[in-house]
């Protein structure tokens, strides 16, 4: 692959998928509903489609990492999600794993560019 070539969109998508769980959990320390969560992630240059986000939220809730409740703020019912104690623990574990992985990759990429 030449330096000017853009990476395969599929490879880039795979890389993004690997960090979505951590990204979503990081934003659920306080209650958020789907649209507000999508906006928070997009604000940090991690846009996520509804078709990806909502199944992920349901899966994390089903696995016992999130709690949710319906609220009718401003008259429109919205389901708010937030980390529970298990979710807080998972966020800490995944954060530590990410930091270790990121440090390893920085070292590998630094060697490659030396």
PDB file of N, CA and C in Angstrom:
ATOM      1  N   UNK A   1       0.838  -1.182   0.000  1.00  0.00           N
ATOM      2  CA  UNK A   1       0.000   0.000   0.000  1.00  0.00           C
ATOM      3  C   UNK A   1       0.880   1.240   0.000  1.00  0.00           C
ATOM      4  N   UNK A   2       0.604   2.175  -0.895  1.00  0.00           N
ATOM      5  CA  UNK A   2       1.344   3.427  -0.956  1.00  0.00           C
ATOM      6  C   UNK A   2       0.913   4.321   0.199  1.00  0.00           C
ATOM      7  N   UNK A   3       1.776   5.216   0.631  1.00  0.00           N
ATOM      8  CA  UNK A   3       1.485   6.104   1.758  1.00  0.00           C
ATOM      9  C   UNK A   3       0.265   6.986   1.507  1.00  0.00           C
ATOM     10  N   UNK A   4       0.004   7.373   0.251  1.00  0.00           N
ATOM     11  CA  UNK A   4      -1.103   8.273  -0.045  1.00  0.00           C
ATOM     12  C   UNK A   4      -2.453   7.563  -0.093  1.00  0.00           C
ATOM     13  N   UNK A   5      -2.465   6.264  -0.178  1.00  0.00           N
ATOM     14  CA  UNK A   5      -3.725   5.531  -0.283  1.00  0.00           C
ATOM     15  C   UNK A   5      -4.498   5.608   1.025  1.00  0.00           C
ATOM     16  N   UNK A   6      -5.807   5.700   0.891  1.00  0.00           N
ATOM     17  CA  UNK A   6      -6.692   5.717   2.050  1.00  0.00           C
ATOM     18  C   UNK A   6      -6.904   4.279   2.499  1.00  0.00           C
ATOM     19  N   UNK A   7      -6.891   4.021   3.829  1.00  0.00           N
ATOM     20  CA  UNK A   7      -7.112   2.644   4.273  1.00  0.00           C
ATOM     21  C   UNK A   7      -8.494   2.152   3.864  1.00  0.00           C
ATOM     22  N   UNK A   8      -8.600   0.861   3.754  1.00  0.00           N
ATOM     23  CA  UNK A   8      -9.878   0.255   3.406  1.00  0.00           C
ATOM     24  C   UNK A   8     -10.945   0.696   4.404  1.00  0.00           C
ATOM     25  N   UNK A   9     -12.088   1.168   3.887  1.00  0.00           N
ATOM     26  CA  UNK A   9     -13.163   1.567   4.803  1.00  0.00           C
ATOM     27  C   UNK A   9     -13.580   0.428   5.739  1.00  0.00           C
ATOM     28  N   UNK A  10     -13.503  -0.807   5.254  1.00  0.00           N
ATOM     29  CA  UNK A  10     -13.864  -1.947   6.103  1.00  0.00           C
ATOM     30  C   UNK A  10     -12.897  -2.093   7.273  1.00  0.00           C
ATOM     31  N   UNK A  11     -11.613  -1.909   7.012  1.00  0.00           N
ATOM     32  CA  UNK A  11     -10.619  -2.011   8.087  1.00  0.00           C
ATOM     33  C   UNK A  11     -10.787  -0.889   9.101  1.00  0.00           C
ATOM     34  N   UNK A  12     -11.061   0.294   8.599  1.00  0.00           N
ATOM     35  CA  UNK A  12     -11.286   1.425   9.505  1.00  0.00           C
ATOM     36  C   UNK A  12     -12.539   1.190  10.347  1.00  0.00           C
ATOM     37  N   UNK A  13     -13.584   0.654   9.742  1.00  0.00           N
ATOM     38  CA  UNK A  13     -14.825   0.351  10.460  1.00  0.00           C
ATOM     39  C   UNK A  13     -14.574  -0.697  11.538  1.00  0.00           C
ATOM     40  N   UNK A  14     -13.798  -1.721  11.228  1.00  0.00           N
ATOM     41  CA  UNK A  14     -13.464  -2.744  12.226  1.00  0.00           C
ATOM     42  C   UNK A  14     -12.747  -2.126  13.425  1.00  0.00           C
ATOM     43  N   UNK A  15     -11.820  -1.236  13.157  1.00  0.00           N
ATOM     44  CA  UNK A  15     -11.075  -0.594  14.228  1.00  0.00           C
ATOM     45  C   UNK A  15     -12.015   0.244  15.097  1.00  0.00           C
ATOM     46  N   UNK A  16     -12.921   0.973  14.477  1.00  0.00           N
ATOM     47  CA  UNK A  16     -13.880   1.790  15.230  1.00  0.00           C
ATOM     48  C   UNK A  16     -14.804   0.918  16.086  1.00  0.00           C
ATOM     49  N   UNK A  17     -15.266  -0.187  15.525  1.00  0.00           N
ATOM     50  CA  UNK A  17     -16.165  -1.072  16.274  1.00  0.00           C
ATOM     51  C   UNK A  17     -15.510  -1.566  17.551  1.00  0.00           C
ATOM     52  N   UNK A  18     -14.209  -1.759  17.497  1.00  0.00           N
ATOM     53  CA  UNK A  18     -13.485  -2.249  18.663  1.00  0.00           C
ATOM     54  C   UNK A  18     -13.471  -1.290  19.834  1.00  0.00           C
ATOM     55  N   UNK A  19     -13.691  -0.018  19.571  1.00  0.00           N
ATOM     56  CA  UNK A  19     -13.648   0.955  20.666  1.00  0.00           C
ATOM     57  C   UNK A  19     -15.026   1.486  21.049  1.00  0.00           C
ATOM     58  N   UNK A  20     -16.059   1.090  20.334  1.00  0.00           N
ATOM     59  CA  UNK A  20     -17.388   1.646  20.600  1.00  0.00           C
ATOM     60  C   UNK A  20     -17.917   1.322  21.987  1.00  0.00           C
ATOM     61  N   UNK A  21     -17.700   0.124  22.472  1.00  0.00           N
ATOM     62  CA  UNK A  21     -18.202  -0.226  23.809  1.00  0.00           C
ATOM     63  C   UNK A  21     -17.579   0.701  24.846  1.00  0.00           C
ATOM     64  N   UNK A  22     -16.276   0.871  24.783  1.00  0.00           N
ATOM     65  CA  UNK A  22     -15.594   1.748  25.728  1.00  0.00           C
ATOM     66  C   UNK A  22     -16.086   3.189  25.582  1.00  0.00           C
ATOM     67  N   UNK A  23     -16.240   3.646  24.354  1.00  0.00           N
ATOM     68  CA  UNK A  23     -16.712   5.010  24.116  1.00  0.00           C
ATOM     69  C   UNK A  23     -18.112   5.220  24.700  1.00  0.00           C
ATOM     70  N   UNK A  24     -19.008   4.273  24.462  1.00  0.00           N
ATOM     71  CA  UNK A  24     -20.380   4.384  24.977  1.00  0.00           C
ATOM     72  C   UNK A  24     -20.380   4.358  26.503  1.00  0.00           C
ATOM     73  N   UNK A  25     -19.673   3.411  27.091  1.00  0.00           N
ATOM     74  CA  UNK A  25     -19.633   3.332  28.553  1.00  0.00           C
ATOM     75  C   UNK A  25     -19.081   4.614  29.161  1.00  0.00           C
ATOM     76  N   UNK A  26     -18.093   5.210  28.517  1.00  0.00           N
ATOM     77  CA  UNK A  26     -17.473   6.423  29.064  1.00  0.00           C
ATOM     78  C   UNK A  26     -18.456   7.583  29.154  1.00  0.00           C
ATOM     79  N   UNK A  27     -19.501   7.539  28.340  1.00  0.00           N
ATOM     80  CA  UNK A  27     -20.472   8.634  28.328  1.00  0.00           C
ATOM     81  C   UNK A  27     -21.701   8.365  29.194  1.00  0.00           C
ATOM     82  N   UNK A  28     -21.740   7.211  29.842  1.00  0.00           N
ATOM     83  CA  UNK A  28     -22.937   6.849  30.619  1.00  0.00           C
ATOM     84  C   UNK A  28     -22.715   6.911  32.127  1.00  0.00           C
ATOM     85  N   UNK A  29     -21.779   7.727  32.562  1.00  0.00           N
ATOM     86  CA  UNK A  29     -21.609   7.953  34.002  1.00  0.00           C
ATOM     87  C   UNK A  29     -22.806   8.732  34.530  1.00  0.00           C
ATOM     88  N   UNK A  30     -23.401   9.531  33.657  1.00  0.00           N
ATOM     89  CA  UNK A  30     -24.641  10.236  33.976  1.00  0.00           C
ATOM     90  C   UNK A  30     -25.698   9.761  32.991  1.00  0.00           C
ATOM     91  N   UNK A  31     -26.963   9.831  33.359  1.00  0.00           N
ATOM     92  CA  UNK A  31     -28.024   9.323  32.478  1.00  0.00           C
ATOM     93  C   UNK A  31     -28.055  10.038  31.128  1.00  0.00           C
ATOM     94  N   UNK A  32     -28.218   9.251  30.080  1.00  0.00           N
ATOM     95  CA  UNK A  32     -28.325   9.782  28.719  1.00  0.00           C
ATOM     96  C   UNK A  32     -29.355   8.958  27.964  1.00  0.00           C
ATOM     97  N   UNK A  33     -30.067   9.611  27.071  1.00  0.00           N
ATOM     98  CA  UNK A  33     -30.931   8.871  26.151  1.00  0.00           C
ATOM     99  C   UNK A  33     -30.213   8.768  24.818  1.00  0.00           C
ATOM    100  N   UNK A  34     -30.714   7.950  23.940  1.00  0.00           N
ATOM    101  CA  UNK A  34     -30.004   7.620  22.713  1.00  0.00           C
ATOM    102  C   UNK A  34     -29.518   8.804  21.913  1.00  0.00           C
ATOM    103  N   UNK A  35     -30.395   9.773  21.662  1.00  0.00           N
ATOM    104  CA  UNK A  35     -29.998  10.904  20.824  1.00  0.00           C
ATOM    105  C   UNK A  35     -28.916  11.735  21.495  1.00  0.00           C
ATOM    106  N   UNK A  36     -29.048  11.978  22.782  1.00  0.00           N
ATOM    107  CA  UNK A  36     -28.028  12.774  23.483  1.00  0.00           C
ATOM    108  C   UNK A  36     -26.685  12.030  23.503  1.00  0.00           C
ATOM    109  N   UNK A  37     -26.743  10.727  23.610  1.00  0.00           N
ATOM    110  CA  UNK A  37     -25.525   9.916  23.588  1.00  0.00           C
ATOM    111  C   UNK A  37     -24.882   9.971  22.204  1.00  0.00           C
ATOM    112  N   UNK A  38     -25.684   9.868  21.164  1.00  0.00           N
ATOM    113  CA  UNK A  38     -25.158   9.973  19.797  1.00  0.00           C
ATOM    114  C   UNK A  38     -24.492  11.324  19.579  1.00  0.00           C
ATOM    115  N   UNK A  39     -25.109  12.386  20.091  1.00  0.00           N
ATOM    116  CA  UNK A  39     -24.521  13.716  19.933  1.00  0.00           C
ATOM    117  C   UNK A  39     -23.213  13.846  20.708  1.00  0.00           C
ATOM    118  N   UNK A  40     -23.169  13.310  21.920  1.00  0.00           N
ATOM    119  CA  UNK A  40     -21.945  13.375  22.728  1.00  0.00           C
ATOM    120  C   UNK A  40     -20.802  12.648  22.015  1.00  0.00           C
ATOM    121  N   UNK A  41     -21.088  11.498  21.453  1.00  0.00           N
ATOM    122  CA  UNK A  41     -20.054  10.744  20.744  1.00  0.00           C
ATOM    123  C   UNK A  41     -19.627  11.477  19.462  1.00  0.00           C
ATOM    124  N   UNK A  42     -20.588  12.013  18.738  1.00  0.00           N
ATOM    125  CA  UNK A  42     -20.268  12.750  17.512  1.00  0.00           C
ATOM    126  C   UNK A  42     -19.422  13.984  17.833  1.00  0.00           C
ATOM    127  N   UNK A  43     -19.708  14.624  18.953  1.00  0.00           N
ATOM    128  CA  UNK A  43     -18.931  15.794  19.384  1.00  0.00           C
ATOM    129  C   UNK A  43     -17.455  15.437  19.567  1.00  0.00           C
ATOM    130  N   UNK A  44     -17.187  14.179  19.900  1.00  0.00           N
ATOM    131  CA  UNK A  44     -15.816  13.694  20.077  1.00  0.00           C
ATOM    132  C   UNK A  44     -15.335  12.912  18.846  1.00  0.00           C
ATOM    133  N   UNK A  45     -15.938  13.201  17.704  1.00  0.00           N
ATOM    134  CA  UNK A  45     -15.558  12.592  16.424  1.00  0.00           C
ATOM    135  C   UNK A  45     -15.728  11.073  16.395  1.00  0.00           C
ATOM    136  N   UNK A  46     -16.723  10.576  17.115  1.00  0.00           N
ATOM    137  CA  UNK A  46     -17.075   9.154  17.066  1.00  0.00           C
ATOM    138  C   UNK A  46     -18.562   9.005  16.740  1.00  0.00           C
ATOM    139  N   UNK A  47     -18.963   9.409  15.534  1.00  0.00           N
ATOM    140  CA  UNK A  47     -20.382   9.265  15.200  1.00  0.00           C
ATOM    141  C   UNK A  47     -20.779   7.793  15.205  1.00  0.00           C
ATOM    142  N   UNK A  48     -22.020   7.543  15.588  1.00  0.00           N
ATOM    143  CA  UNK A  48     -22.533   6.177  15.646  1.00  0.00           C
ATOM    144  C   UNK A  48     -23.961   6.185  15.119  1.00  0.00           C
ATOM    145  N   UNK A  49     -24.280   5.202  14.332  1.00  0.00           N
ATOM    146  CA  UNK A  49     -25.622   5.090  13.760  1.00  0.00           C
ATOM    147  C   UNK A  49     -26.589   4.524  14.795  1.00  0.00           C
ATOM    148  N   UNK A  50     -27.854   4.904  14.667  1.00  0.00           N
ATOM    149  CA  UNK A  50     -28.888   4.380  15.568  1.00  0.00           C
ATOM    150  C   UNK A  50     -28.920   2.861  15.536  1.00  0.00           C
ATOM    151  N   UNK A  51     -28.775   2.295  14.343  1.00  0.00           N
ATOM    152  CA  UNK A  51     -28.829   0.847  14.171  1.00  0.00           C
ATOM    153  C   UNK A  51     -27.675   0.115  14.839  1.00  0.00           C
ATOM    154  N   UNK A  52     -26.641   0.839  15.216  1.00  0.00           N
ATOM    155  CA  UNK A  52     -25.519   0.270  15.956  1.00  0.00           C
ATOM    156  C   UNK A  52     -25.671   0.554  17.445  1.00  0.00           C
ATOM    157  N   UNK A  53     -26.084   1.778  17.774  1.00  0.00           N
ATOM    158  CA  UNK A  53     -26.150   2.202  19.170  1.00  0.00           C
ATOM    159  C   UNK A  53     -27.209   1.451  19.973  1.00  0.00           C
ATOM    160  N   UNK A  54     -28.425   1.416  19.488  1.00  0.00           N
ATOM    161  CA  UNK A  54     -29.504   0.848  20.304  1.00  0.00           C
ATOM    162  C   UNK A  54     -29.330  -0.646  20.584  1.00  0.00           C
ATOM    163  N   UNK A  55     -28.926  -1.453  19.610  1.00  0.00           N
ATOM    164  CA  UNK A  55     -28.645  -2.852  19.954  1.00  0.00           C
ATOM    165  C   UNK A  55     -27.500  -2.985  20.962  1.00  0.00           C
ATOM    166  N   UNK A  56     -26.501  -2.111  20.855  1.00  0.00           N
ATOM    167  CA  UNK A  56     -25.389  -2.138  21.808  1.00  0.00           C
ATOM    168  C   UNK A  56     -25.881  -1.798  23.214  1.00  0.00           C
ATOM    169  N   UNK A  57     -26.720  -0.784  23.336  1.00  0.00           N
ATOM    170  CA  UNK A  57     -27.265  -0.418  24.651  1.00  0.00           C
ATOM    171  C   UNK A  57     -28.094  -1.556  25.234  1.00  0.00           C
ATOM    172  N   UNK A  58     -28.931  -2.160  24.407  1.00  0.00           N
ATOM    173  CA  UNK A  58     -29.756  -3.283  24.896  1.00  0.00           C
ATOM    174  C   UNK A  58     -28.885  -4.468  25.320  1.00  0.00           C
ATOM    175  N   UNK A  59     -27.841  -4.738  24.545  1.00  0.00           N
ATOM    176  CA  UNK A  59     -26.939  -5.843  24.898  1.00  0.00           C
ATOM    177  C   UNK A  59     -26.220  -5.562  26.215  1.00  0.00           C
ATOM    178  N   UNK A  60     -25.700  -4.350  26.391  1.00  0.00           N
ATOM    179  CA  UNK A  60     -24.999  -4.004  27.637  1.00  0.00           C
ATOM    180  C   UNK A  60     -25.945  -4.041  28.833  1.00  0.00           C
ATOM    181  N   UNK A  61     -27.180  -3.617  28.624  1.00  0.00           N
ATOM    182  CA  UNK A  61     -28.161  -3.696  29.706  1.00  0.00           C
ATOM    183  C   UNK A  61     -28.483  -5.157  30.026  1.00  0.00           C
ATOM    184  N   UNK A  62     -28.661  -5.966  28.999  1.00  0.00           N
ATOM    185  CA  UNK A  62     -28.936  -7.386  29.189  1.00  0.00           C
ATOM    186  C   UNK A  62     -27.800  -8.121  29.889  1.00  0.00           C
ATOM    187  N   UNK A  63     -26.580  -7.651  29.673  1.00  0.00           N
ATOM    188  CA  UNK A  63     -25.415  -8.254  30.326  1.00  0.00           C
ATOM    189  C   UNK A  63     -25.214  -7.737  31.751  1.00  0.00           C
ATOM    190  N   UNK A  64     -26.066  -6.792  32.167  1.00  0.00           N
ATOM    191  CA  UNK A  64     -26.023  -6.316  33.550  1.00  0.00           C
ATOM    192  C   UNK A  64     -25.098  -5.150  33.806  1.00  0.00           C
ATOM    193  N   UNK A  65     -24.712  -4.398  32.769  1.00  0.00           N
ATOM    194  CA  UNK A  65     -23.788  -3.275  32.953  1.00  0.00           C
ATOM    195  C   UNK A  65     -24.476  -1.913  32.978  1.00  0.00           C
ATOM    196  N   UNK A  66     -25.724  -1.861  32.521  1.00  0.00           N
ATOM    197  CA  UNK A  66     -26.465  -0.611  32.480  1.00  0.00           C
ATOM    198  C   UNK A  66     -27.805  -0.768  33.163  1.00  0.00           C
ATOM    199  N   UNK A  67     -28.304   0.339  33.637  1.00  0.00           N
ATOM    200  CA  UNK A  67     -29.688   0.395  34.093  1.00  0.00           C
ATOM    201  C   UNK A  67     -30.389   1.412  33.207  1.00  0.00           C
ATOM    202  N   UNK A  68     -31.673   1.254  33.046  1.00  0.00           N
ATOM    203  CA  UNK A  68     -32.414   2.207  32.214  1.00  0.00           C
ATOM    204  C   UNK A  68     -33.765   2.483  32.840  1.00  0.00           C
ATOM    205  N   UNK A  69     -34.304   3.623  32.452  1.00  0.00           N
ATOM    206  CA  UNK A  69     -35.647   3.985  32.906  1.00  0.00           C
ATOM    207  C   UNK A  69     -36.274   4.912  31.878  1.00  0.00           C
ATOM    208  N   UNK A  70     -37.583   4.827  31.775  1.00  0.00           N
ATOM    209  CA  UNK A  70     -38.320   5.722  30.892  1.00  0.00           C
ATOM    210  C   UNK A  70     -38.637   6.996  31.642  1.00  0.00           C
ATOM    211  N   UNK A  71     -38.426   8.125  30.982  1.00  0.00           N
ATOM    212  CA  UNK A  71     -38.776   9.435  31.535  1.00  0.00           C
ATOM    213  C   UNK A  71     -39.571  10.195  30.490  1.00  0.00           C
ATOM    214  N   UNK A  72     -40.422  11.070  30.968  1.00  0.00           N
ATOM    215  CA  UNK A  72     -41.202  11.905  30.054  1.00  0.00           C
ATOM    216  C   UNK A  72     -40.834  13.366  30.270  1.00  0.00           C
ATOM    217  N   UNK A  73     -39.601  13.706  30.024  1.00  0.00           N
ATOM    218  CA  UNK A  73     -39.156  15.097  30.067  1.00  0.00           C
ATOM    219  C   UNK A  73     -39.725  15.816  28.851  1.00  0.00           C
ATOM    220  N   UNK A  74     -40.284  16.984  29.060  1.00  0.00           N
ATOM    221  CA  UNK A  74     -40.862  17.779  27.964  1.00  0.00           C
ATOM    222  C   UNK A  74     -41.950  17.019  27.215  1.00  0.00           C
ATOM    223  N   UNK A  75     -42.596  16.061  27.878  1.00  0.00           N
ATOM    224  CA  UNK A  75     -43.711  15.360  27.279  1.00  0.00           C
ATOM    225  C   UNK A  75     -43.359  14.188  26.384  1.00  0.00           C
ATOM    226  N   UNK A  76     -42.121  14.117  25.892  1.00  0.00           N
ATOM    227  CA  UNK A  76     -41.736  13.019  25.002  1.00  0.00           C
ATOM    228  C   UNK A  76     -41.075  11.917  25.821  1.00  0.00           C
ATOM    229  N   UNK A  77     -41.612  10.688  25.779  1.00  0.00           N
ATOM    230  CA  UNK A  77     -40.983   9.602  26.539  1.00  0.00           C
ATOM    231  C   UNK A  77     -39.630   9.227  25.938  1.00  0.00           C
ATOM    232  N   UNK A  78     -38.642   9.121  26.824  1.00  0.00           N
ATOM    233  CA  UNK A  78     -37.292   8.746  26.404  1.00  0.00           C
ATOM    234  C   UNK A  78     -36.746   7.730  27.394  1.00  0.00           C
ATOM    235  N   UNK A  79     -35.989   6.792  26.856  1.00  0.00           N
ATOM    236  CA  UNK A  79     -35.344   5.796  27.704  1.00  0.00           C
ATOM    237  C   UNK A  79     -33.937   6.283  28.018  1.00  0.00           C
ATOM    238  N   UNK A  80     -33.678   6.481  29.306  1.00  0.00           N
ATOM    239  CA  UNK A  80     -32.364   6.939  29.752  1.00  0.00           C
ATOM    240  C   UNK A  80     -31.549   5.750  30.247  1.00  0.00           C
ATOM    241  N   UNK A  81     -30.282   5.731  29.857  1.00  0.00           N
ATOM    242  CA  UNK A  81     -29.355   4.672  30.246  1.00  0.00           C
ATOM    243  C   UNK A  81     -28.266   5.268  31.122  1.00  0.00           C
ATOM    244  N   UNK A  82     -27.792   4.456  32.070  1.00  0.00           N
ATOM    245  CA  UNK A  82     -26.697   4.876  32.941  1.00  0.00           C
ATOM    246  C   UNK A  82     -25.958   3.637  33.425  1.00  0.00           C
ATOM    247  N   UNK A  83     -24.654   3.817  33.678  1.00  0.00           N
ATOM    248  CA  UNK A  83     -23.873   2.720  34.241  1.00  0.00           C
ATOM    249  C   UNK A  83     -24.415   2.351  35.613  1.00  0.00           C
ATOM    250  N   UNK A  84     -24.428   1.064  35.916  1.00  0.00           N
ATOM    251  CA  UNK A  84     -24.675   0.622  37.282  1.00  0.00           C
ATOM    252  C   UNK A  84     -23.310   0.247  37.873  1.00  0.00           C
ATOM    253  N   UNK A  85     -23.292  -0.366  39.055  1.00  0.00           N
ATOM    254  CA  UNK A  85     -22.013  -0.687  39.708  1.00  0.00           C
ATOM    255  C   UNK A  85     -21.163  -1.620  38.835  1.00  0.00           C
ATOM    256  N   UNK A  86     -21.797  -2.627  38.225  1.00  0.00           N
ATOM    257  CA  UNK A  86     -21.049  -3.540  37.354  1.00  0.00           C
ATOM    258  C   UNK A  86     -20.510  -2.800  36.122  1.00  0.00           C
ATOM    259  N   UNK A  87     -21.277  -1.860  35.618  1.00  0.00           N
ATOM    260  CA  UNK A  87     -20.851  -1.071  34.470  1.00  0.00           C
ATOM    261  C   UNK A  87     -19.665  -0.176  34.814  1.00  0.00           C
ATOM    262  N   UNK A  88     -19.691   0.384  36.021  1.00  0.00           N
ATOM    263  CA  UNK A  88     -18.551   1.203  36.477  1.00  0.00           C
ATOM    264  C   UNK A  88     -17.285   0.348  36.542  1.00  0.00           C
ATOM    265  N   UNK A  89     -17.429  -0.863  37.061  1.00  0.00           N
ATOM    266  CA  UNK A  89     -16.286  -1.777  37.142  1.00  0.00           C
ATOM    267  C   UNK A  89     -15.782  -2.122  35.747  1.00  0.00           C
ATOM    268  N   UNK A  90     -16.708  -2.453  34.842  1.00  0.00           N
ATOM    269  CA  UNK A  90     -16.329  -2.777  33.474  1.00  0.00           C
ATOM    270  C   UNK A  90     -15.630  -1.591  32.807  1.00  0.00           C
ATOM    271  N   UNK A  91     -16.147  -0.393  33.006  1.00  0.00           N
ATOM    272  CA  UNK A  91     -15.520   0.793  32.427  1.00  0.00           C
ATOM    273  C   UNK A  91     -14.085   0.929  32.920  1.00  0.00           C
ATOM    274  N   UNK A  92     -13.858   0.723  34.197  1.00  0.00           N
ATOM    275  CA  UNK A  92     -12.499   0.792  34.735  1.00  0.00           C
ATOM    276  C   UNK A  92     -11.588  -0.263  34.122  1.00  0.00           C
ATOM    277  N   UNK A  93     -12.094  -1.478  33.986  1.00  0.00           N
ATOM    278  CA  UNK A  93     -11.297  -2.565  33.414  1.00  0.00           C
ATOM    279  C   UNK A  93     -10.976  -2.312  31.948  1.00  0.00           C
ATOM    280  N   UNK A  94     -11.980  -1.890  31.184  1.00  0.00           N
ATOM    281  CA  UNK A  94     -11.758  -1.638  29.762  1.00  0.00           C
ATOM    282  C   UNK A  94     -10.851  -0.425  29.545  1.00  0.00           C
ATOM    283  N   UNK A  95     -10.972   0.567  30.426  1.00  0.00           N
ATOM    284  CA  UNK A  95     -10.095   1.740  30.333  1.00  0.00           C
ATOM    285  C   UNK A  95      -8.645   1.335  30.548  1.00  0.00           C
ATOM    286  N   UNK A  96      -8.400   0.505  31.553  1.00  0.00           N
ATOM    287  CA  UNK A  96      -7.037   0.034  31.820  1.00  0.00           C
ATOM    288  C   UNK A  96      -6.517  -0.786  30.642  1.00  0.00           C
ATOM    289  N   UNK A  97      -7.345  -1.647  30.092  1.00  0.00           N
ATOM    290  CA  UNK A  97      -6.941  -2.454  28.933  1.00  0.00           C
ATOM    291  C   UNK A  97      -6.634  -1.560  27.741  1.00  0.00           C
ATOM    292  N   UNK A  98      -7.486  -0.568  27.508  1.00  0.00           N
ATOM    293  CA  UNK A  98      -7.280   0.345  26.387  1.00  0.00           C
ATOM    294  C   UNK A  98      -5.970   1.116  26.555  1.00  0.00           C
ATOM    295  N   UNK A  99      -5.710   1.599  27.754  1.00  0.00           N
ATOM    296  CA  UNK A  99      -4.485   2.361  27.981  1.00  0.00           C
ATOM    297  C   UNK A  99      -3.245   1.499  27.755  1.00  0.00           C
ATOM    298  N   UNK A 100      -3.281   0.253  28.189  1.00  0.00           N
ATOM    299  CA  UNK A 100      -2.149  -0.653  27.971  1.00  0.00           C
ATOM    300  C   UNK A 100      -1.975  -0.950  26.488  1.00  0.00           C
ATOM    301  N   UNK A 101      -3.075  -1.216  25.792  1.00  0.00           N
ATOM    302  CA  UNK A 101      -3.028  -1.483  24.364  1.00  0.00           C
ATOM    303  C   UNK A 101      -2.530  -0.262  23.595  1.00  0.00           C
ATOM    304  N   UNK A 102      -3.023   0.894  23.969  1.00  0.00           N
ATOM    305  CA  UNK A 102      -2.620   2.134  23.321  1.00  0.00           C
ATOM    306  C   UNK A 102      -1.125   2.397  23.521  1.00  0.00           C
ATOM    307  N   UNK A 103      -0.618   2.132  24.722  1.00  0.00           N
ATOM    308  CA  UNK A 103       0.813   2.301  24.989  1.00  0.00           C
ATOM    309  C   UNK A 103       1.637   1.338  24.132  1.00  0.00           C
ATOM    310  N   UNK A 104       1.175   0.110  24.010  1.00  0.00           N
ATOM    311  CA  UNK A 104       1.869  -0.867  23.171  1.00  0.00           C
ATOM    312  C   UNK A 104       1.900  -0.423  21.714  1.00  0.00           C
ATOM    313  N   UNK A 105       0.771   0.043  21.226  1.00  0.00           N
ATOM    314  CA  UNK A 105       0.708   0.493  19.834  1.00  0.00           C
ATOM    315  C   UNK A 105       1.571   1.728  19.604  1.00  0.00           C
ATOM    316  N   UNK A 106       1.579   2.653  20.549  1.00  0.00           N
ATOM    317  CA  UNK A 106       2.446   3.826  20.420  1.00  0.00           C
ATOM    318  C   UNK A 106       3.900   3.391  20.284  1.00  0.00           C
ATOM    319  N   UNK A 107       4.306   2.407  21.094  1.00  0.00           N
ATOM    320  CA  UNK A 107       5.664   1.894  21.016  1.00  0.00           C
ATOM    321  C   UNK A 107       5.952   1.251  19.670  1.00  0.00           C
ATOM    322  N   UNK A 108       5.010   0.445  19.189  1.00  0.00           N
ATOM    323  CA  UNK A 108       5.196  -0.205  17.894  1.00  0.00           C
ATOM    324  C   UNK A 108       5.261   0.820  16.760  1.00  0.00           C
ATOM    325  N   UNK A 109       4.391   1.788  16.791  1.00  0.00           N
ATOM    326  CA  UNK A 109       4.378   2.799  15.729  1.00  0.00           C
ATOM    327  C   UNK A 109       5.593   3.706  15.797  1.00  0.00           C
ATOM    328  N   UNK A 110       6.072   3.954  16.998  1.00  0.00           N
ATOM    329  CA  UNK A 110       7.278   4.772  17.163  1.00  0.00           C
ATOM    330  C   UNK A 110       8.479   4.033  16.567  1.00  0.00           C
ATOM    331  N   UNK A 111       8.553   2.725  16.812  1.00  0.00           N
ATOM    332  CA  UNK A 111       9.646   1.905  16.242  1.00  0.00           C
ATOM    333  C   UNK A 111       9.565   1.920  14.717  1.00  0.00           C
ATOM    334  N   UNK A 112       8.354   1.830  14.199  1.00  0.00           N
ATOM    335  CA  UNK A 112       8.181   1.795  12.757  1.00  0.00           C
ATOM    336  C   UNK A 112       8.625   3.105  12.106  1.00  0.00           C
ATOM    337  N   UNK A 113       8.394   4.212  12.767  1.00  0.00           N
ATOM    338  CA  UNK A 113       8.724   5.519  12.214  1.00  0.00           C
ATOM    339  C   UNK A 113      10.159   5.936  12.505  1.00  0.00           C
ATOM    340  N   UNK A 114      10.884   5.145  13.295  1.00  0.00           N
ATOM    341  CA  UNK A 114      12.270   5.516  13.639  1.00  0.00           C
ATOM    342  C   UNK A 114      13.230   5.183  12.526  1.00  0.00           C
TER     343      UNK A 114
END
